């Protein structure tokens, strides 16, 4: 994706999250469990995204060089969560709109600029939108460009963060074919002569699979699916 595409995509993801959360509350209540994050209720999920967006809006708005001055927000009652979450989304979008992508800010990654926040927060909202849609049992497709960029971010940022010393000795390549983006990506390239498996699906389904929101069975698996799942599982940031 181009840099100028991130903020409009984030706005769409935020709106989709808010709509899905409101529908899920009406259908299932705040205590509904979140399939992609089994330890969370729907209230926990909505609060989590609001808290994350509150933090990154502060980072961008203040051009923070570190996070030591950040003040955590007080958790809101359930009946305030939808409004509070929408306000936090709007504040993040406004902060990002008022900052240049190359402006320096604190992040937890080697890339220390607003562009990192733009990309990361689009993916945060995208994956958590799928989480809330799973509560409703109606997960809509992720746009191909967003899904592919999320897969790229996972490979370029998340995997190295989880494995700072590189792939372990038992690593094998896993190939991802994104059919709707006409693209191929590889996890752990060069670690063995041949991939352990090739996974084919939409870019969005591949993204949700590497974030372990959906099982590999939603994809077409050519090769050893169990070993492919094990390779994906090596990149564990939780």
C-alpha atoms as a PDB file:
ATOM      1  CA  UNK A   1       0.000   0.000   0.000  1.00  0.00           C
ATOM      2  CA  UNK A   2       1.040   3.608  -0.571  1.00  0.00           C
ATOM      3  CA  UNK A   3       1.427   5.876   2.455  1.00  0.00           C
ATOM      4  CA  UNK A   4      -1.534   8.042   1.468  1.00  0.00           C
ATOM      5  CA  UNK A   5      -3.795   4.970   1.457  1.00  0.00           C
ATOM      6  CA  UNK A   6      -3.345   4.056   5.111  1.00  0.00           C
ATOM      7  CA  UNK A   7      -5.401   6.761   6.798  1.00  0.00           C
ATOM      8  CA  UNK A   8      -8.503   6.344   4.565  1.00  0.00           C
ATOM      9  CA  UNK A   9      -8.257   2.581   5.084  1.00  0.00           C
ATOM     10  CA  UNK A  10      -7.973   3.077   8.854  1.00  0.00           C
ATOM     11  CA  UNK A  11     -11.082   5.271   8.828  1.00  0.00           C
ATOM     12  CA  UNK A  12     -12.994   2.547   7.005  1.00  0.00           C
ATOM     13  CA  UNK A  13     -11.735  -0.137   9.399  1.00  0.00           C
ATOM     14  CA  UNK A  14     -12.656   1.956  12.442  1.00  0.00           C
ATOM     15  CA  UNK A  15     -16.170   2.548  11.116  1.00  0.00           C
ATOM     16  CA  UNK A  16     -16.581  -1.142  10.325  1.00  0.00           C
ATOM     17  CA  UNK A  17     -15.403  -2.081  13.827  1.00  0.00           C
ATOM     18  CA  UNK A  18     -17.834   0.357  15.467  1.00  0.00           C
ATOM     19  CA  UNK A  19     -20.788  -0.916  13.418  1.00  0.00           C
ATOM     20  CA  UNK A  20     -19.936  -4.570  14.072  1.00  0.00           C
ATOM     21  CA  UNK A  21     -19.444  -3.942  17.792  1.00  0.00           C
ATOM     22  CA  UNK A  22     -22.832  -2.231  18.093  1.00  0.00           C
ATOM     23  CA  UNK A  23     -24.533  -5.100  16.280  1.00  0.00           C
ATOM     24  CA  UNK A  24     -22.735  -7.690  18.407  1.00  0.00           C
ATOM     25  CA  UNK A  25     -23.759  -5.977  21.643  1.00  0.00           C
ATOM     26  CA  UNK A  26     -27.402  -5.939  20.559  1.00  0.00           C
ATOM     27  CA  UNK A  27     -27.272  -9.575  19.482  1.00  0.00           C
ATOM     28  CA  UNK A  28     -25.136 -11.153  22.190  1.00  0.00           C
ATOM     29  CA  UNK A  29     -24.458  -8.687  25.005  1.00  0.00           C
ATOM     30  CA  UNK A  30     -21.203  -7.370  26.412  1.00  0.00           C
ATOM     31  CA  UNK A  31     -20.321 -10.689  28.021  1.00  0.00           C
ATOM     32  CA  UNK A  32     -20.126 -12.599  24.714  1.00  0.00           C
ATOM     33  CA  UNK A  33     -16.848 -14.453  24.247  1.00  0.00           C
ATOM     34  CA  UNK A  34     -14.484 -13.506  21.404  1.00  0.00           C
ATOM     35  CA  UNK A  35     -13.531 -16.638  19.411  1.00  0.00           C
ATOM     36  CA  UNK A  36     -10.212 -15.194  18.210  1.00  0.00           C
ATOM     37  CA  UNK A  37      -9.247 -14.156  21.764  1.00  0.00           C
ATOM     38  CA  UNK A  38     -11.017 -16.711  23.981  1.00  0.00           C
ATOM     39  CA  UNK A  39      -9.922 -15.053  27.216  1.00  0.00           C
ATOM     40  CA  UNK A  40     -11.746 -11.832  26.249  1.00  0.00           C
ATOM     41  CA  UNK A  41     -15.376 -10.792  26.348  1.00  0.00           C
ATOM     42  CA  UNK A  42     -16.799  -8.392  23.795  1.00  0.00           C
ATOM     43  CA  UNK A  43     -16.402  -5.597  26.354  1.00  0.00           C
ATOM     44  CA  UNK A  44     -12.712  -6.495  26.767  1.00  0.00           C
ATOM     45  CA  UNK A  45     -12.187  -6.361  23.001  1.00  0.00           C
ATOM     46  CA  UNK A  46     -13.836  -2.970  22.544  1.00  0.00           C
ATOM     47  CA  UNK A  47     -11.912  -1.567  25.514  1.00  0.00           C
ATOM     48  CA  UNK A  48      -8.636  -3.014  24.197  1.00  0.00           C
ATOM     49  CA  UNK A  49      -8.902  -1.267  20.836  1.00  0.00           C
ATOM     50  CA  UNK A  50      -9.968   1.984  22.516  1.00  0.00           C
ATOM     51  CA  UNK A  51      -6.995   1.816  24.891  1.00  0.00           C
ATOM     52  CA  UNK A  52      -4.547   1.029  22.083  1.00  0.00           C
ATOM     53  CA  UNK A  53      -5.849   3.905  19.977  1.00  0.00           C
ATOM     54  CA  UNK A  54      -5.734   6.250  22.979  1.00  0.00           C
ATOM     55  CA  UNK A  55      -2.053   5.428  23.431  1.00  0.00           C
ATOM     56  CA  UNK A  56      -1.005   5.849  19.808  1.00  0.00           C
ATOM     57  CA  UNK A  57      -3.005   9.058  19.410  1.00  0.00           C
ATOM     58  CA  UNK A  58      -1.001  10.421  22.362  1.00  0.00           C
ATOM     59  CA  UNK A  59       2.293   9.265  20.844  1.00  0.00           C
ATOM     60  CA  UNK A  60       1.563  10.943  17.515  1.00  0.00           C
ATOM     61  CA  UNK A  61      -0.084  14.087  18.917  1.00  0.00           C
ATOM     62  CA  UNK A  62       2.797  14.786  21.335  1.00  0.00           C
ATOM     63  CA  UNK A  63       5.534  13.464  19.007  1.00  0.00           C
ATOM     64  CA  UNK A  64       6.633  11.440  22.011  1.00  0.00           C
ATOM     65  CA  UNK A  65      10.271  10.368  22.102  1.00  0.00           C
ATOM     66  CA  UNK A  66       9.469   7.772  24.770  1.00  0.00           C
ATOM     67  CA  UNK A  67       6.366   6.588  26.586  1.00  0.00           C
ATOM     68  CA  UNK A  68       7.297   7.490  30.148  1.00  0.00           C
ATOM     69  CA  UNK A  69       4.841  10.421  30.385  1.00  0.00           C
ATOM     70  CA  UNK A  70       1.825   8.498  29.099  1.00  0.00           C
ATOM     71  CA  UNK A  71      -1.153   8.312  31.468  1.00  0.00           C
ATOM     72  CA  UNK A  72      -3.349   5.242  31.040  1.00  0.00           C
ATOM     73  CA  UNK A  73      -7.063   5.957  30.718  1.00  0.00           C
ATOM     74  CA  UNK A  74      -9.587   4.739  33.251  1.00  0.00           C
ATOM     75  CA  UNK A  75     -11.641   1.812  32.019  1.00  0.00           C
ATOM     76  CA  UNK A  76     -15.146   2.928  31.129  1.00  0.00           C
ATOM     77  CA  UNK A  77     -18.361   1.132  32.111  1.00  0.00           C
ATOM     78  CA  UNK A  78     -19.749  -1.159  29.459  1.00  0.00           C
ATOM     79  CA  UNK A  79     -22.568   1.207  28.530  1.00  0.00           C
ATOM     80  CA  UNK A  80     -20.006   3.910  27.684  1.00  0.00           C
ATOM     81  CA  UNK A  81     -17.648   1.742  25.652  1.00  0.00           C
ATOM     82  CA  UNK A  82     -19.126   2.247  22.182  1.00  0.00           C
ATOM     83  CA  UNK A  83     -19.081   6.027  22.467  1.00  0.00           C
ATOM     84  CA  UNK A  84     -15.678   6.087  24.113  1.00  0.00           C
ATOM     85  CA  UNK A  85     -14.221   3.777  21.474  1.00  0.00           C
ATOM     86  CA  UNK A  86     -15.573   5.882  18.613  1.00  0.00           C
ATOM     87  CA  UNK A  87     -14.085   8.990  20.213  1.00  0.00           C
ATOM     88  CA  UNK A  88     -10.693   7.317  20.535  1.00  0.00           C
ATOM     89  CA  UNK A  89     -10.798   6.264  16.874  1.00  0.00           C
ATOM     90  CA  UNK A  90     -11.602   9.833  15.836  1.00  0.00           C
ATOM     91  CA  UNK A  91      -8.783  11.196  18.001  1.00  0.00           C
ATOM     92  CA  UNK A  92      -6.266   8.776  16.492  1.00  0.00           C
ATOM     93  CA  UNK A  93      -7.391   9.590  12.962  1.00  0.00           C
ATOM     94  CA  UNK A  94      -7.094  13.330  13.682  1.00  0.00           C
ATOM     95  CA  UNK A  95      -3.608  12.938  15.177  1.00  0.00           C
ATOM     96  CA  UNK A  96      -2.420  10.943  12.185  1.00  0.00           C
ATOM     97  CA  UNK A  97      -3.967  13.429   9.750  1.00  0.00           C
ATOM     98  CA  UNK A  98      -1.994  16.195  11.436  1.00  0.00           C
ATOM     99  CA  UNK A  99       1.389  14.471  11.240  1.00  0.00           C
ATOM    100  CA  UNK A 100       3.761  13.727   8.404  1.00  0.00           C
ATOM    101  CA  UNK A 101       4.572  10.044   7.921  1.00  0.00           C
ATOM    102  CA  UNK A 102       8.299  10.704   8.236  1.00  0.00           C
ATOM    103  CA  UNK A 103       8.015  12.571  11.558  1.00  0.00           C
ATOM    104  CA  UNK A 104       9.913  10.843  14.320  1.00  0.00           C
ATOM    105  CA  UNK A 105       7.953   9.312  17.216  1.00  0.00           C
ATOM    106  CA  UNK A 106       8.509   6.526  19.699  1.00  0.00           C
ATOM    107  CA  UNK A 107       7.518   3.009  18.634  1.00  0.00           C
ATOM    108  CA  UNK A 108       8.443  -0.433  19.947  1.00  0.00           C
ATOM    109  CA  UNK A 109      10.076  -1.326  16.596  1.00  0.00           C
ATOM    110  CA  UNK A 110      13.268  -0.238  14.823  1.00  0.00           C
ATOM    111  CA  UNK A 111      11.127   2.005  12.579  1.00  0.00           C
ATOM    112  CA  UNK A 112      10.536   5.116  14.699  1.00  0.00           C
ATOM    113  CA  UNK A 113       8.140   7.282  12.710  1.00  0.00           C
ATOM    114  CA  UNK A 114       4.490   8.064  12.087  1.00  0.00           C
ATOM    115  CA  UNK A 115       4.430   5.807   9.024  1.00  0.00           C
ATOM    116  CA  UNK A 116       4.949   2.818  11.319  1.00  0.00           C
ATOM    117  CA  UNK A 117       2.006   3.911  13.466  1.00  0.00           C
ATOM    118  CA  UNK A 118      -0.215   4.337  10.401  1.00  0.00           C
ATOM    119  CA  UNK A 119       0.514   0.835   9.170  1.00  0.00           C
ATOM    120  CA  UNK A 120       0.357  -0.846  12.578  1.00  0.00           C
ATOM    121  CA  UNK A 121      -2.889   0.826  13.578  1.00  0.00           C
ATOM    122  CA  UNK A 122      -4.583  -0.090  10.313  1.00  0.00           C
ATOM    123  CA  UNK A 123      -3.692  -3.718  10.953  1.00  0.00           C
ATOM    124  CA  UNK A 124      -4.699  -3.496  14.623  1.00  0.00           C
ATOM    125  CA  UNK A 125      -8.143  -2.271  13.628  1.00  0.00           C
ATOM    126  CA  UNK A 126      -8.441  -4.741  10.758  1.00  0.00           C
ATOM    127  CA  UNK A 127      -7.701  -7.873  12.788  1.00  0.00           C
ATOM    128  CA  UNK A 128      -9.845  -6.744  15.720  1.00  0.00           C
ATOM    129  CA  UNK A 129     -12.698  -5.996  13.329  1.00  0.00           C
ATOM    130  CA  UNK A 130     -12.526  -9.632  12.267  1.00  0.00           C
ATOM    131  CA  UNK A 131     -12.569 -10.540  15.970  1.00  0.00           C
ATOM    132  CA  UNK A 132     -15.772  -8.625  16.610  1.00  0.00           C
ATOM    133  CA  UNK A 133     -17.354  -9.943  13.422  1.00  0.00           C
ATOM    134  CA  UNK A 134     -16.599 -13.473  14.608  1.00  0.00           C
ATOM    135  CA  UNK A 135     -18.720 -12.735  17.683  1.00  0.00           C
ATOM    136  CA  UNK A 136     -21.605 -12.102  15.291  1.00  0.00           C
ATOM    137  CA  UNK A 137     -20.680 -15.113  13.158  1.00  0.00           C
ATOM    138  CA  UNK A 138     -20.412 -12.938  10.056  1.00  0.00           C
ATOM    139  CA  UNK A 139     -16.814 -12.145   9.083  1.00  0.00           C
ATOM    140  CA  UNK A 140     -16.738  -9.967   5.984  1.00  0.00           C
ATOM    141  CA  UNK A 141     -13.853 -10.109   3.482  1.00  0.00           C
ATOM    142  CA  UNK A 142     -10.802  -7.992   4.182  1.00  0.00           C
ATOM    143  CA  UNK A 143      -9.810  -5.811   1.200  1.00  0.00           C
ATOM    144  CA  UNK A 144      -7.042  -7.514  -0.760  1.00  0.00           C
ATOM    145  CA  UNK A 145      -4.584  -4.617  -0.493  1.00  0.00           C
ATOM    146  CA  UNK A 146      -5.064  -4.358   3.282  1.00  0.00           C
ATOM    147  CA  UNK A 147      -4.753  -8.111   3.731  1.00  0.00           C
ATOM    148  CA  UNK A 148      -1.560  -8.330   1.683  1.00  0.00           C
ATOM    149  CA  UNK A 149      -0.020  -5.355   3.470  1.00  0.00           C
ATOM    150  CA  UNK A 150      -0.902  -6.979   6.779  1.00  0.00           C
ATOM    151  CA  UNK A 151       0.756 -10.221   5.708  1.00  0.00           C
ATOM    152  CA  UNK A 152       3.817  -8.220   4.651  1.00  0.00           C
ATOM    153  CA  UNK A 153       3.871  -6.424   8.008  1.00  0.00           C
ATOM    154  CA  UNK A 154       3.639  -9.735   9.845  1.00  0.00           C
ATOM    155  CA  UNK A 155       6.587 -11.103   7.860  1.00  0.00           C
ATOM    156  CA  UNK A 156       8.682  -7.915   7.941  1.00  0.00           C
ATOM    157  CA  UNK A 157       7.983  -6.673  11.468  1.00  0.00           C
ATOM    158  CA  UNK A 158       6.281  -9.243  13.670  1.00  0.00           C
ATOM    159  CA  UNK A 159       8.347 -12.303  12.793  1.00  0.00           C
ATOM    160  CA  UNK A 160      11.700 -10.531  13.394  1.00  0.00           C
ATOM    161  CA  UNK A 161      10.322  -9.063  16.637  1.00  0.00           C
ATOM    162  CA  UNK A 162       9.345 -12.529  17.847  1.00  0.00           C
ATOM    163  CA  UNK A 163      12.582 -14.133  16.624  1.00  0.00           C
ATOM    164  CA  UNK A 164      15.311 -11.481  16.986  1.00  0.00           C
ATOM    165  CA  UNK A 165      18.047 -14.084  16.496  1.00  0.00           C
ATOM    166  CA  UNK A 166      16.491 -15.333  13.280  1.00  0.00           C
ATOM    167  CA  UNK A 167      14.695 -18.572  12.467  1.00  0.00           C
ATOM    168  CA  UNK A 168      15.457 -21.550  14.703  1.00  0.00           C
ATOM    169  CA  UNK A 169      17.376 -24.520  13.333  1.00  0.00           C
ATOM    170  CA  UNK A 170      14.207 -26.529  12.767  1.00  0.00           C
ATOM    171  CA  UNK A 171      12.564 -23.828  10.637  1.00  0.00           C
ATOM    172  CA  UNK A 172      11.252 -24.624   7.160  1.00  0.00           C
ATOM    173  CA  UNK A 173       9.849 -22.255   4.545  1.00  0.00           C
ATOM    174  CA  UNK A 174       6.088 -21.818   4.250  1.00  0.00           C
ATOM    175  CA  UNK A 175       4.783 -20.251   1.042  1.00  0.00           C
ATOM    176  CA  UNK A 176       1.683 -18.030   1.002  1.00  0.00           C
ATOM    177  CA  UNK A 177      -0.299 -17.558  -2.219  1.00  0.00           C
ATOM    178  CA  UNK A 178      -2.740 -14.616  -2.074  1.00  0.00           C
ATOM    179  CA  UNK A 179      -5.127 -15.340  -4.923  1.00  0.00           C
ATOM    180  CA  UNK A 180      -6.981 -12.030  -4.852  1.00  0.00           C
ATOM    181  CA  UNK A 181      -3.744 -10.009  -4.830  1.00  0.00           C
ATOM    182  CA  UNK A 182      -1.854 -12.217  -7.321  1.00  0.00           C
ATOM    183  CA  UNK A 183       1.058 -12.329  -4.894  1.00  0.00           C
ATOM    184  CA  UNK A 184       3.350 -14.862  -3.219  1.00  0.00           C
ATOM    185  CA  UNK A 185       5.200 -14.468   0.051  1.00  0.00           C
ATOM    186  CA  UNK A 186       7.450 -16.829   2.041  1.00  0.00           C
ATOM    187  CA  UNK A 187       7.993 -17.338   5.746  1.00  0.00           C
ATOM    188  CA  UNK A 188      11.570 -18.387   6.618  1.00  0.00           C
ATOM    189  CA  UNK A 189      12.927 -18.303   3.036  1.00  0.00           C
ATOM    190  CA  UNK A 190      16.197 -20.153   2.521  1.00  0.00           C
ATOM    191  CA  UNK A 191      16.010 -22.238   5.685  1.00  0.00           C
ATOM    192  CA  UNK A 192      15.521 -25.485   3.710  1.00  0.00           C
ATOM    193  CA  UNK A 193      15.687 -26.467   0.031  1.00  0.00           C
ATOM    194  CA  UNK A 194      11.909 -26.886  -0.268  1.00  0.00           C
ATOM    195  CA  UNK A 195       8.894 -25.389   1.548  1.00  0.00           C
ATOM    196  CA  UNK A 196       7.148 -27.538   4.118  1.00  0.00           C
ATOM    197  CA  UNK A 197       3.808 -26.386   2.685  1.00  0.00           C
ATOM    198  CA  UNK A 198       2.125 -23.886   0.407  1.00  0.00           C
ATOM    199  CA  UNK A 199      -0.982 -22.106   1.707  1.00  0.00           C
ATOM    200  CA  UNK A 200      -3.409 -20.590  -0.771  1.00  0.00           C
ATOM    201  CA  UNK A 201      -6.312 -18.261  -0.053  1.00  0.00           C
ATOM    202  CA  UNK A 202      -7.347 -14.635  -0.090  1.00  0.00           C
ATOM    203  CA  UNK A 203      -4.884 -12.151   1.348  1.00  0.00           C
ATOM    204  CA  UNK A 204      -7.334 -11.475   4.174  1.00  0.00           C
ATOM    205  CA  UNK A 205      -7.689 -15.139   5.078  1.00  0.00           C
ATOM    206  CA  UNK A 206      -3.914 -15.558   5.020  1.00  0.00           C
ATOM    207  CA  UNK A 207      -3.605 -12.553   7.329  1.00  0.00           C
ATOM    208  CA  UNK A 208      -6.135 -13.981   9.775  1.00  0.00           C
ATOM    209  CA  UNK A 209      -4.426 -17.374   9.604  1.00  0.00           C
ATOM    210  CA  UNK A 210      -0.988 -16.043  10.551  1.00  0.00           C
ATOM    211  CA  UNK A 211      -2.592 -14.116  13.421  1.00  0.00           C
ATOM    212  CA  UNK A 212      -4.251 -17.424  14.381  1.00  0.00           C
ATOM    213  CA  UNK A 213      -7.760 -16.041  14.057  1.00  0.00           C
ATOM    214  CA  UNK A 214      -8.826 -18.780  11.644  1.00  0.00           C
ATOM    215  CA  UNK A 215      -7.571 -22.357  11.229  1.00  0.00           C
ATOM    216  CA  UNK A 216      -5.489 -23.348   8.224  1.00  0.00           C
ATOM    217  CA  UNK A 217      -8.474 -25.392   7.063  1.00  0.00           C
ATOM    218  CA  UNK A 218      -9.980 -22.197   5.600  1.00  0.00           C
ATOM    219  CA  UNK A 219      -7.029 -22.203   3.151  1.00  0.00           C
ATOM    220  CA  UNK A 220      -5.952 -24.664   0.480  1.00  0.00           C
ATOM    221  CA  UNK A 221      -2.989 -26.513   1.980  1.00  0.00           C
ATOM    222  CA  UNK A 222      -0.461 -28.219  -0.275  1.00  0.00           C
ATOM    223  CA  UNK A 223       2.007 -30.105   1.922  1.00  0.00           C
ATOM    224  CA  UNK A 224       2.249 -30.646   5.666  1.00  0.00           C
ATOM    225  CA  UNK A 225      -0.399 -28.445   7.270  1.00  0.00           C
ATOM    226  CA  UNK A 226       0.564 -29.368  10.819  1.00  0.00           C
ATOM    227  CA  UNK A 227       4.160 -28.361  10.249  1.00  0.00           C
ATOM    228  CA  UNK A 228       3.054 -25.168   8.512  1.00  0.00           C
ATOM    229  CA  UNK A 229       0.973 -24.294  11.581  1.00  0.00           C
ATOM    230  CA  UNK A 230       3.988 -25.029  13.779  1.00  0.00           C
ATOM    231  CA  UNK A 231       6.173 -22.699  11.684  1.00  0.00           C
ATOM    232  CA  UNK A 232       3.592 -19.913  11.952  1.00  0.00           C
ATOM    233  CA  UNK A 233       3.374 -20.551  15.675  1.00  0.00           C
ATOM    234  CA  UNK A 234       7.086 -19.850  16.101  1.00  0.00           C
ATOM    235  CA  UNK A 235       6.280 -16.160  15.576  1.00  0.00           C
ATOM    236  CA  UNK A 236       4.460 -15.710  18.870  1.00  0.00           C
ATOM    237  CA  UNK A 237       4.353 -12.184  20.272  1.00  0.00           C
ATOM    238  CA  UNK A 238       1.945 -12.929  23.124  1.00  0.00           C
END
